[in-house]
Amino acid sequence: RRGRAQADSLRRARQDTVARLADGRTVPGTALE
């Protein structure tokens, strides 16, 4: 349990984002390769 506080803060840092590719397209961050 003592390690879960750090894990929770890291989990909050993980965000669902939209990525702008260099060629101009936008894709969900989860679709990046």
All heavy atoms as atom14 arrays in JSON, in Angstrom:
{
  "sequence": "RRGRAQADSLRRARQDTVARLADGRTVPGTALE",
  "atom14_mask": [
    [1, 1, 1, 1, 1, 1, 1, 1, 1, 1, 1, 0, 0, 0],
    [1, 1, 1, 1, 1, 1, 1, 1, 1, 1, 1, 0, 0, 0],
    [1, 1, 1, 1, 0, 0, 0, 0, 0, 0, 0, 0, 0, 0],
    [1, 1, 1, 1, 1, 1, 1, 1, 1, 1, 1, 0, 0, 0],
    [1, 1, 1, 1, 1, 0, 0, 0, 0, 0, 0, 0, 0, 0],
    [1, 1, 1, 1, 1, 1, 1, 1, 1, 0, 0, 0, 0, 0],
    [1, 1, 1, 1, 1, 0, 0, 0, 0, 0, 0, 0, 0, 0],
    [1, 1, 1, 1, 1, 1, 1, 1, 0, 0, 0, 0, 0, 0],
    [1, 1, 1, 1, 1, 1, 0, 0, 0, 0, 0, 0, 0, 0],
    [1, 1, 1, 1, 1, 1, 1, 1, 0, 0, 0, 0, 0, 0],
    [1, 1, 1, 1, 1, 1, 1, 1, 1, 1, 1, 0, 0, 0],
    [1, 1, 1, 1, 1, 1, 1, 1, 1, 1, 1, 0, 0, 0],
    [1, 1, 1, 1, 1, 0, 0, 0, 0, 0, 0, 0, 0, 0],
    [1, 1, 1, 1, 1, 1, 1, 1, 1, 1, 1, 0, 0, 0],
    [1, 1, 1, 1, 1, 1, 1, 1, 1, 0, 0, 0, 0, 0],
    [1, 1, 1, 1, 1, 1, 1, 1, 0, 0, 0, 0, 0, 0],
    [1, 1, 1, 1, 1, 1, 1, 0, 0, 0, 0, 0, 0, 0],
    [1, 1, 1, 1, 1, 1, 1, 0, 0, 0, 0, 0, 0, 0],
    [1, 1, 1, 1, 1, 0, 0, 0, 0, 0, 0, 0, 0, 0],
    [1, 1, 1, 1, 1, 1, 1, 1, 1, 1, 1, 0, 0, 0],
    [1, 1, 1, 1, 1, 1, 1, 1, 0, 0, 0, 0, 0, 0],
    [1, 1, 1, 1, 1, 0, 0, 0, 0, 0, 0, 0, 0, 0],
    [1, 1, 1, 1, 1, 1, 1, 1, 0, 0, 0, 0, 0, 0],
    [1, 1, 1, 1, 0, 0, 0, 0, 0, 0, 0, 0, 0, 0],
    [1, 1, 1, 1, 1, 1, 1, 1, 1, 1, 1, 0, 0, 0],
    [1, 1, 1, 1, 1, 1, 1, 0, 0, 0, 0, 0, 0, 0],
    [1, 1, 1, 1, 1, 1, 1, 0, 0, 0, 0, 0, 0, 0],
    [1, 1, 1, 1, 1, 1, 1, 0, 0, 0, 0, 0, 0, 0],
    [1, 1, 1, 1, 0, 0, 0, 0, 0, 0, 0, 0, 0, 0],
    [1, 1, 1, 1, 1, 1, 1, 0, 0, 0, 0, 0, 0, 0],
    [1, 1, 1, 1, 1, 0, 0, 0, 0, 0, 0, 0, 0, 0],
    [1, 1, 1, 1, 1, 1, 1, 1, 0, 0, 0, 0, 0, 0],
    [1, 1, 1, 1, 1, 1, 1, 1, 1, 0, 0, 0, 0, 0]
  ],
  "atom14_positions": [
    [[0.83, -1.21, 0.0], [0.0, 0.0, 0.0], [0.86, 1.26, 0.0], [0.47, 2.28, -0.56], [-0.94, -0.02, 1.2], [-1.86, 1.18, 1.31], [-2.94, 0.95, 2.33], [-3.99, 0.08, 1.79], [-5.07, 0.56, 1.16], [-5.21, 1.85, 0.96], [-5.98, -0.26, 0.71], [0.0, 0.0, 0.0], [0.0, 0.0, 0.0], [0.0, 0.0, 0.0]],
    [[2.04, 1.2, 0.62], [2.88, 2.4, 0.68], [3.32, 2.86, -0.7], [3.6, 4.02, -0.92], [4.13, 2.12, 1.54], [3.78, 2.0, 2.99], [4.89, 2.18, 3.96], [6.24, 2.02, 3.48], [7.3, 2.45, 4.17], [7.12, 3.05, 5.33], [8.51, 2.27, 3.72], [0.0, 0.0, 0.0], [0.0, 0.0, 0.0], [0.0, 0.0, 0.0]],
    [[3.38, 1.94, -1.66], [3.79, 2.32, -3.0], [2.65, 2.79, -3.88], [2.88, 3.31, -4.97], [0.0, 0.0, 0.0], [0.0, 0.0, 0.0], [0.0, 0.0, 0.0], [0.0, 0.0, 0.0], [0.0, 0.0, 0.0], [0.0, 0.0, 0.0], [0.0, 0.0, 0.0], [0.0, 0.0, 0.0], [0.0, 0.0, 0.0], [0.0, 0.0, 0.0]],
    [[1.4, 2.61, -3.42], [0.28, 2.92, -4.29], [0.05, 4.41, -4.47], [-0.51, 4.83, -5.47], [-0.99, 2.27, -3.75], [-0.96, 0.75, -3.93], [-2.21, 0.1, -3.46], [-2.09, -1.35, -3.58], [-2.9, -2.21, -3.03], [-3.91, -1.78, -2.29], [-2.72, -3.51, -3.19], [0.0, 0.0, 0.0], [0.0, 0.0, 0.0], [0.0, 0.0, 0.0]],
    [[0.47, 5.22, -3.5], [0.3, 6.67, -3.65], [1.1, 7.16, -4.84], [0.62, 7.95, -5.65], [0.74, 7.38, -2.38], [0.0, 0.0, 0.0], [0.0, 0.0, 0.0], [0.0, 0.0, 0.0], [0.0, 0.0, 0.0], [0.0, 0.0, 0.0], [0.0, 0.0, 0.0], [0.0, 0.0, 0.0], [0.0, 0.0, 0.0], [0.0, 0.0, 0.0]],
    [[2.35, 6.66, -4.98], [3.16, 7.03, -6.14], [2.53, 6.52, -7.42], [2.48, 7.23, -8.43], [4.57, 6.44, -5.98], [5.47, 6.67, -7.16], [6.35, 7.91, -7.02], [6.26, 8.6, -6.02], [7.14, 8.18, -8.02], [0.0, 0.0, 0.0], [0.0, 0.0, 0.0], [0.0, 0.0, 0.0], [0.0, 0.0, 0.0], [0.0, 0.0, 0.0]],
    [[2.01, 5.29, -7.38], [1.38, 4.73, -8.58], [0.15, 5.53, -8.98], [-0.09, 5.75, -10.17], [1.01, 3.26, -8.34], [0.0, 0.0, 0.0], [0.0, 0.0, 0.0], [0.0, 0.0, 0.0], [0.0, 0.0, 0.0], [0.0, 0.0, 0.0], [0.0, 0.0, 0.0], [0.0, 0.0, 0.0], [0.0, 0.0, 0.0], [0.0, 0.0, 0.0]],
    [[-0.64, 5.96, -8.0], [-1.84, 6.74, -8.31], [-1.49, 8.07, -8.96], [-2.15, 8.51, -9.91], [-2.65, 6.99, -7.02], [-3.29, 5.71, -6.5], [-3.4, 4.75, -7.28], [-3.66, 5.68, -5.32], [0.0, 0.0, 0.0], [0.0, 0.0, 0.0], [0.0, 0.0, 0.0], [0.0, 0.0, 0.0], [0.0, 0.0, 0.0], [0.0, 0.0, 0.0]],
    [[-0.42, 8.72, -8.45], [-0.03, 10.0, -9.05], [0.48, 9.79, -10.47], [0.24, 10.61, -11.36], [1.05, 10.68, -8.2], [2.24, 9.93, -8.21], [0.0, 0.0, 0.0], [0.0, 0.0, 0.0], [0.0, 0.0, 0.0], [0.0, 0.0, 0.0], [0.0, 0.0, 0.0], [0.0, 0.0, 0.0], [0.0, 0.0, 0.0], [0.0, 0.0, 0.0]],
    [[1.18, 8.69, -10.7], [1.65, 8.39, -12.06], [0.48, 8.08, -12.98], [0.47, 8.46, -14.14], [2.61, 7.21, -12.02], [3.95, 7.45, -11.31], [4.72, 6.15, -11.19], [4.76, 8.48, -12.04], [0.0, 0.0, 0.0], [0.0, 0.0, 0.0], [0.0, 0.0, 0.0], [0.0, 0.0, 0.0], [0.0, 0.0, 0.0], [0.0, 0.0, 0.0]],
    [[-0.51, 7.38, -12.44], [-1.68, 7.03, -13.26], [-2.43, 8.3, -13.67], [-2.96, 8.38, -14.77], [-2.58, 6.08, -12.48], [-3.64, 5.39, -13.35], [-4.4, 4.37, -12.55], [-3.63, 3.15, -12.4], [-3.07, 2.74, -11.26], [-3.22, 3.47, -10.17], [-2.38, 1.63, -11.2], [0.0, 0.0, 0.0], [0.0, 0.0, 0.0], [0.0, 0.0, 0.0]],
    [[-2.48, 9.28, -12.77], [-3.15, 10.54, -13.11], [-2.4, 11.28, -14.21], [-2.98, 12.05, -14.95], [-3.28, 11.42, -11.86], [-4.33, 10.95, -10.87], [-4.6, 12.01, -9.83], [-3.46, 12.28, -8.99], [-3.19, 11.63, -7.86], [-3.99, 10.66, -7.44], [-2.14, 11.93, -7.13], [0.0, 0.0, 0.0], [0.0, 0.0, 0.0], [0.0, 0.0, 0.0]],
    [[-1.07, 11.05, -14.27], [-0.27, 11.73, -15.29], [-0.51, 11.16, -16.67], [-0.23, 11.8, -17.69], [1.22, 11.6, -14.95], [0.0, 0.0, 0.0], [0.0, 0.0, 0.0], [0.0, 0.0, 0.0], [0.0, 0.0, 0.0], [0.0, 0.0, 0.0], [0.0, 0.0, 0.0], [0.0, 0.0, 0.0], [0.0, 0.0, 0.0], [0.0, 0.0, 0.0]],
    [[-1.07, 9.94, -16.71], [-1.31, 9.3, -18.0], [-2.63, 9.82, -18.55], [-3.7, 9.55, -18.02], [-1.37, 7.78, -17.78], [-1.27, 6.96, -19.01], [-1.1, 5.5, -18.65], [-2.08, 5.08, -17.66], [-2.1, 3.87, -17.12], [-1.19, 2.99, -17.44], [-3.03, 3.54, -16.24], [0.0, 0.0, 0.0], [0.0, 0.0, 0.0], [0.0, 0.0, 0.0]],
    [[-2.56, 10.6, -19.6], [-3.74, 11.25, -20.14], [-4.04, 10.76, -21.55], [-3.14, 10.41, -22.31], [-3.54, 12.78, -20.17], [-3.23, 13.39, -18.81], [-3.11, 14.89, -18.92], [-3.74, 15.52, -19.76], [-2.3, 15.48, -18.06], [0.0, 0.0, 0.0], [0.0, 0.0, 0.0], [0.0, 0.0, 0.0], [0.0, 0.0, 0.0], [0.0, 0.0, 0.0]],
    [[-5.32, 10.74, -21.85], [-5.73, 10.46, -23.23], [-5.61, 11.75, -24.03], [-6.27, 12.74, -23.73], [-7.17, 9.94, -23.28], [-7.31, 8.58, -22.61], [-6.33, 7.82, -22.64], [-8.38, 8.31, -22.05], [0.0, 0.0, 0.0], [0.0, 0.0, 0.0], [0.0, 0.0, 0.0], [0.0, 0.0, 0.0], [0.0, 0.0, 0.0], [0.0, 0.0, 0.0]],
    [[-4.75, 11.75, -25.02], [-4.47, 12.96, -25.78], [-4.67, 12.71, -27.26], [-4.71, 11.58, -27.74], [-3.03, 13.43, -25.54], [-2.14, 12.38, -25.93], [-2.8, 13.77, -24.08], [0.0, 0.0, 0.0], [0.0, 0.0, 0.0], [0.0, 0.0, 0.0], [0.0, 0.0, 0.0], [0.0, 0.0, 0.0], [0.0, 0.0, 0.0], [0.0, 0.0, 0.0]],
    [[-4.79, 13.82, -27.99], [-4.84, 13.77, -29.45], [-3.47, 14.2, -29.96], [-2.93, 15.23, -29.55], [-5.93, 14.7, -30.0], [-5.87, 14.73, -31.52], [-7.3, 14.25, -29.52], [0.0, 0.0, 0.0], [0.0, 0.0, 0.0], [0.0, 0.0, 0.0], [0.0, 0.0, 0.0], [0.0, 0.0, 0.0], [0.0, 0.0, 0.0], [0.0, 0.0, 0.0]],
    [[-2.9, 13.39, -30.81], [-1.55, 13.65, -31.32], [-1.62, 14.24, -32.72], [-2.39, 13.77, -33.57], [-0.74, 12.35, -31.33], [0.0, 0.0, 0.0], [0.0, 0.0, 0.0], [0.0, 0.0, 0.0], [0.0, 0.0, 0.0], [0.0, 0.0, 0.0], [0.0, 0.0, 0.0], [0.0, 0.0, 0.0], [0.0, 0.0, 0.0], [0.0, 0.0, 0.0]],
    [[-0.81, 15.28, -32.97], [-0.69, 15.88, -34.29], [0.55, 15.32, -34.97], [1.67, 15.6, -34.55], [-0.61, 17.4, -34.2], [-1.91, 18.07, -33.8], [-1.83, 19.57, -33.91], [-0.92, 20.16, -32.94], [0.11, 20.94, -33.25], [0.37, 21.22, -34.52], [0.88, 21.44, -32.31], [0.0, 0.0, 0.0], [0.0, 0.0, 0.0], [0.0, 0.0, 0.0]],
    [[0.35, 14.5, -35.98], [1.47, 13.91, -36.69], [2.17, 14.96, -37.54], [1.59, 15.99, -37.9], [1.0, 12.76, -37.57], [0.39, 11.56, -36.82], [-0.09, 10.51, -37.82], [1.39, 10.95, -35.86], [0.0, 0.0, 0.0], [0.0, 0.0, 0.0], [0.0, 0.0, 0.0], [0.0, 0.0, 0.0], [0.0, 0.0, 0.0], [0.0, 0.0, 0.0]],
    [[3.43, 14.7, -37.86], [4.22, 15.66, -38.63], [3.65, 15.89, -40.03], [3.88, 16.96, -40.63], [5.67, 15.18, -38.73], [0.0, 0.0, 0.0], [0.0, 0.0, 0.0], [0.0, 0.0, 0.0], [0.0, 0.0, 0.0], [0.0, 0.0, 0.0], [0.0, 0.0, 0.0], [0.0, 0.0, 0.0], [0.0, 0.0, 0.0], [0.0, 0.0, 0.0]],
    [[2.88, 14.93, -40.54], [2.3, 15.1, -41.87], [0.97, 15.84, -41.85], [0.29, 15.94, -42.87], [2.14, 13.75, -42.55], [1.22, 12.81, -41.76], [0.57, 13.28, -40.8], [1.17, 11.61, -42.1], [0.0, 0.0, 0.0], [0.0, 0.0, 0.0], [0.0, 0.0, 0.0], [0.0, 0.0, 0.0], [0.0, 0.0, 0.0], [0.0, 0.0, 0.0]],
    [[0.56, 16.35, -40.65], [-0.67, 17.14, -40.55], [-1.87, 16.38, -40.04], [-2.87, 16.99, -39.65], [0.0, 0.0, 0.0], [0.0, 0.0, 0.0], [0.0, 0.0, 0.0], [0.0, 0.0, 0.0], [0.0, 0.0, 0.0], [0.0, 0.0, 0.0], [0.0, 0.0, 0.0], [0.0, 0.0, 0.0], [0.0, 0.0, 0.0], [0.0, 0.0, 0.0]],
    [[-1.85, 15.07, -40.03], [-2.99, 14.29, -39.54], [-3.05, 14.32, -38.01], [-2.03, 14.51, -37.35], [-2.88, 12.84, -40.01], [-3.03, 12.66, -41.52], [-2.92, 11.17, -41.89], [-1.6, 10.64, -41.59], [-1.39, 9.53, -40.9], [-2.41, 8.84, -40.43], [-0.15, 9.09, -40.68], [0.0, 0.0, 0.0], [0.0, 0.0, 0.0], [0.0, 0.0, 0.0]],
    [[-4.25, 14.13, -37.47], [-4.44, 14.01, -36.02], [-4.98, 12.62, -35.72], [-5.9, 12.14, -36.4], [-5.41, 15.07, -35.48], [-6.67, 14.95, -36.14], [-4.85, 16.46, -35.69], [0.0, 0.0, 0.0], [0.0, 0.0, 0.0], [0.0, 0.0, 0.0], [0.0, 0.0, 0.0], [0.0, 0.0, 0.0], [0.0, 0.0, 0.0], [0.0, 0.0, 0.0]],
    [[-4.41, 11.99, -34.7], [-4.83, 10.64, -34.31], [-4.89, 10.59, -32.78], [-4.22, 11.38, -32.1], [-3.86, 9.56, -34.84], [-3.81, 9.56, -36.35], [-2.46, 9.77, -34.26], [0.0, 0.0, 0.0], [0.0, 0.0, 0.0], [0.0, 0.0, 0.0], [0.0, 0.0, 0.0], [0.0, 0.0, 0.0], [0.0, 0.0, 0.0], [0.0, 0.0, 0.0]],
    [[-5.66, 9.68, -32.21], [-5.63, 9.51, -30.75], [-4.25, 9.06, -30.29], [-3.54, 8.34, -31.0], [-6.67, 8.4, -30.5], [-7.51, 8.37, -31.73], [-6.62, 8.78, -32.87], [0.0, 0.0, 0.0], [0.0, 0.0, 0.0], [0.0, 0.0, 0.0], [0.0, 0.0, 0.0], [0.0, 0.0, 0.0], [0.0, 0.0, 0.0], [0.0, 0.0, 0.0]],
    [[-3.88, 9.5, -29.1], [-2.57, 9.13, -28.57], [-2.42, 7.63, -28.43], [-1.31, 7.09, -28.56], [0.0, 0.0, 0.0], [0.0, 0.0, 0.0], [0.0, 0.0, 0.0], [0.0, 0.0, 0.0], [0.0, 0.0, 0.0], [0.0, 0.0, 0.0], [0.0, 0.0, 0.0], [0.0, 0.0, 0.0], [0.0, 0.0, 0.0], [0.0, 0.0, 0.0]],
    [[-3.52, 6.92, -28.2], [-3.47, 5.46, -28.05], [-3.21, 4.74, -29.37], [-2.93, 3.55, -29.37], [-4.79, 4.95, -27.45], [-5.88, 5.42, -28.27], [-4.98, 5.46, -26.03], [0.0, 0.0, 0.0], [0.0, 0.0, 0.0], [0.0, 0.0, 0.0], [0.0, 0.0, 0.0], [0.0, 0.0, 0.0], [0.0, 0.0, 0.0], [0.0, 0.0, 0.0]],
    [[-3.31, 5.47, -30.49], [-3.1, 4.84, -31.81], [-1.69, 5.05, -32.33], [-1.37, 4.61, -33.44], [-4.11, 5.4, -32.81], [0.0, 0.0, 0.0], [0.0, 0.0, 0.0], [0.0, 0.0, 0.0], [0.0, 0.0, 0.0], [0.0, 0.0, 0.0], [0.0, 0.0, 0.0], [0.0, 0.0, 0.0], [0.0, 0.0, 0.0], [0.0, 0.0, 0.0]],
    [[-0.83, 5.73, -31.56], [0.52, 5.99, -32.03], [1.34, 4.71, -32.11], [1.2, 3.81, -31.29], [1.22, 6.99, -31.09], [0.69, 8.42, -31.12], [1.34, 9.24, -30.02], [0.95, 9.06, -32.48], [0.0, 0.0, 0.0], [0.0, 0.0, 0.0], [0.0, 0.0, 0.0], [0.0, 0.0, 0.0], [0.0, 0.0, 0.0], [0.0, 0.0, 0.0]],
    [[2.21, 4.64, -33.11], [3.1, 3.51, -33.29], [4.54, 3.97, -33.14], [4.86, 5.16, -33.3], [2.9, 2.88, -34.67], [1.52, 2.26, -34.89], [1.31, 1.02, -34.05], [2.33, 0.38, -33.68], [0.14, 0.69, -33.74], [0.0, 0.0, 0.0], [0.0, 0.0, 0.0], [0.0, 0.0, 0.0], [0.0, 0.0, 0.0], [0.0, 0.0, 0.0]]
  ]
}
